[in-house]
Amino acid sequence: MKLLIRILLSTIAVLVADLLLSGVHAPDFKTGLLVAIVLGVLNAVLRPILLLLTLPVTVLTLGLFVLVINAAMVLLAAKIVPGFTVNGFWWALAFSVVMWVVQSVLLALDGGEQRQE
C-alpha cells in the first residue's frame, strides 16, 4: 500500500512539474504514471551504480554532480516513456528540482515516514 501511495505522489509531482515548466511535456495522467514508475526503477537500479562510478567527481564538486545524474535520469526516462518530452538538459535539471520539492511537500502532508500502519 505504501508503494502505491508513493507512486501516486510521484505521479502528482510529475504532473505539477509539467504544469510549471514549459520545456517538459507529460500530456496525461497515464504518461505521468509511466514517468513516475520509470524514474522509480531507474533511481533504484541505475542511480546507485552511477553514484558509485562518479564518486570522485561528486566529492570534488561538493555533491553538486548529483544534480547532473538526476537530470540524466530524467532525460533517460524521456527516451523510454512515449509521450514524455524534455527540451534539453536544463529543463531536465529544473524538472528534477521541481519534482523533488513537490514530492517533499506531498510526503510531509502525507506524514512521510512517521506514519505507521
Protein backbone atom coordinates (compact mmCIF):
# COMPACT_ATOMS: atom_id res chain seq x y z
CA MET A 1 0.00 0.00 0.00
CA LYS A 2 2.84 2.37 0.86
CA LEU A 3 4.42 1.77 -2.57
CA LEU A 4 1.16 2.65 -4.34
CA ILE A 5 0.89 5.88 -2.35
CA ARG A 6 4.47 6.80 -3.24
CA ILE A 7 3.85 6.11 -6.93
CA LEU A 8 0.68 8.21 -6.84
CA LEU A 9 2.53 11.08 -5.12
CA SER A 10 5.33 10.84 -7.68
CA THR A 11 2.76 10.95 -10.48
CA ILE A 12 1.24 14.08 -8.98
CA ALA A 13 4.73 15.59 -8.72
CA VAL A 14 5.39 14.81 -12.41
CA LEU A 15 2.12 16.45 -13.44
CA VAL A 16 2.76 19.53 -11.29
CA ALA A 17 6.25 19.87 -12.76
CA ASP A 18 4.68 19.58 -16.23
CA LEU A 19 2.31 22.45 -15.37
CA LEU A 20 5.09 24.66 -14.02
CA LEU A 21 7.76 24.07 -16.68
CA SER A 22 7.15 24.89 -20.33
CA GLY A 23 10.05 22.70 -21.51
CA VAL A 24 8.61 19.50 -20.05
CA HIS A 25 5.55 17.78 -21.52
CA ALA A 26 3.58 14.92 -19.98
CA PRO A 27 0.23 15.09 -21.76
CA ASP A 28 -1.96 12.98 -19.48
CA PHE A 29 -2.20 11.06 -16.21
CA LYS A 30 -1.17 7.77 -17.85
CA THR A 31 2.06 9.31 -19.13
CA GLY A 32 2.73 10.87 -15.72
CA LEU A 33 2.20 7.49 -14.08
CA LEU A 34 4.60 5.81 -16.52
CA VAL A 35 7.20 8.53 -15.93
CA ALA A 36 6.90 8.08 -12.16
CA ILE A 37 7.31 4.30 -12.45
CA VAL A 38 10.23 4.51 -14.90
CA LEU A 39 12.01 7.14 -12.78
CA GLY A 40 11.49 4.96 -9.71
CA VAL A 41 13.01 1.93 -11.43
CA LEU A 42 15.91 3.96 -12.88
CA ASN A 43 16.62 5.53 -9.49
CA ALA A 44 16.54 2.13 -7.80
CA VAL A 45 18.73 0.30 -10.33
CA LEU A 46 20.92 2.69 -12.31
CA ARG A 47 21.40 5.65 -9.95
CA PRO A 48 23.43 3.79 -7.27
CA ILE A 49 25.80 2.50 -9.93
CA LEU A 50 26.26 5.98 -11.39
CA LEU A 51 26.77 7.48 -7.94
CA LEU A 52 29.49 4.93 -7.21
CA LEU A 53 31.23 5.45 -10.55
CA THR A 54 31.17 9.24 -10.25
CA LEU A 55 32.06 9.43 -6.57
CA PRO A 56 35.36 11.30 -7.10
CA VAL A 57 33.65 13.96 -9.24
CA THR A 58 30.78 14.20 -6.76
CA VAL A 59 33.18 14.74 -3.86
CA LEU A 60 35.19 17.27 -5.88
CA THR A 61 32.04 19.29 -6.69
CA LEU A 62 30.76 19.00 -3.11
CA GLY A 63 27.79 16.90 -4.19
CA LEU A 64 26.55 19.14 -6.99
CA PHE A 65 27.27 16.47 -9.60
CA VAL A 66 24.33 14.51 -8.18
CA LEU A 67 22.11 17.12 -9.87
CA VAL A 68 23.68 16.16 -13.20
CA ILE A 69 22.92 12.49 -12.50
CA ASN A 70 19.31 13.38 -11.65
CA ALA A 71 18.96 15.32 -14.90
CA ALA A 72 20.44 12.36 -16.80
CA MET A 73 17.83 10.07 -15.22
CA VAL A 74 15.06 12.42 -16.38
CA LEU A 75 16.48 12.55 -19.92
CA LEU A 76 16.72 8.76 -19.99
CA ALA A 77 13.10 8.49 -18.81
CA ALA A 78 12.12 10.87 -21.62
CA LYS A 79 13.73 8.47 -24.11
CA ILE A 80 11.93 5.46 -22.62
CA VAL A 81 8.40 6.79 -22.00
CA PRO A 82 6.44 7.59 -25.15
CA GLY A 83 4.74 10.99 -25.00
CA PHE A 84 7.04 12.40 -22.30
CA THR A 85 9.38 15.03 -23.70
CA VAL A 86 12.04 17.21 -22.14
CA ASN A 87 13.56 20.06 -24.18
CA GLY A 88 17.17 19.68 -23.04
CA PHE A 89 19.45 19.30 -20.07
CA TRP A 90 18.45 22.49 -18.23
CA TRP A 91 14.76 21.60 -18.42
CA ALA A 92 15.60 18.13 -17.10
CA LEU A 93 17.53 19.69 -14.24
CA ALA A 94 14.65 22.06 -13.45
CA PHE A 95 12.20 19.14 -13.67
CA SER A 96 14.19 17.10 -11.17
CA VAL A 97 14.39 20.03 -8.73
CA VAL A 98 10.67 20.86 -9.02
CA MET A 99 9.74 17.20 -8.69
CA TRP A 100 11.92 16.88 -5.59
CA VAL A 101 10.28 19.93 -3.96
CA VAL A 102 6.73 18.80 -4.80
CA GLN A 103 7.40 15.26 -3.57
CA SER A 104 8.87 16.62 -0.35
CA VAL A 105 5.79 18.75 0.29
CA LEU A 106 3.40 15.92 -0.55
CA LEU A 107 5.27 13.45 1.66
CA ALA A 108 5.25 15.97 4.50
CA LEU A 109 1.49 16.41 4.12
CA ASP A 110 1.04 12.63 3.96
CA GLY A 111 3.01 12.11 7.15
CA GLY A 112 6.11 10.77 5.42
CA GLU A 113 7.99 8.04 7.23
CA GLN A 114 6.44 8.80 10.62
CA ARG A 115 3.09 7.24 9.82
CA GLN A 116 2.72 3.64 10.97
CA GLU A 117 0.17 1.23 9.56
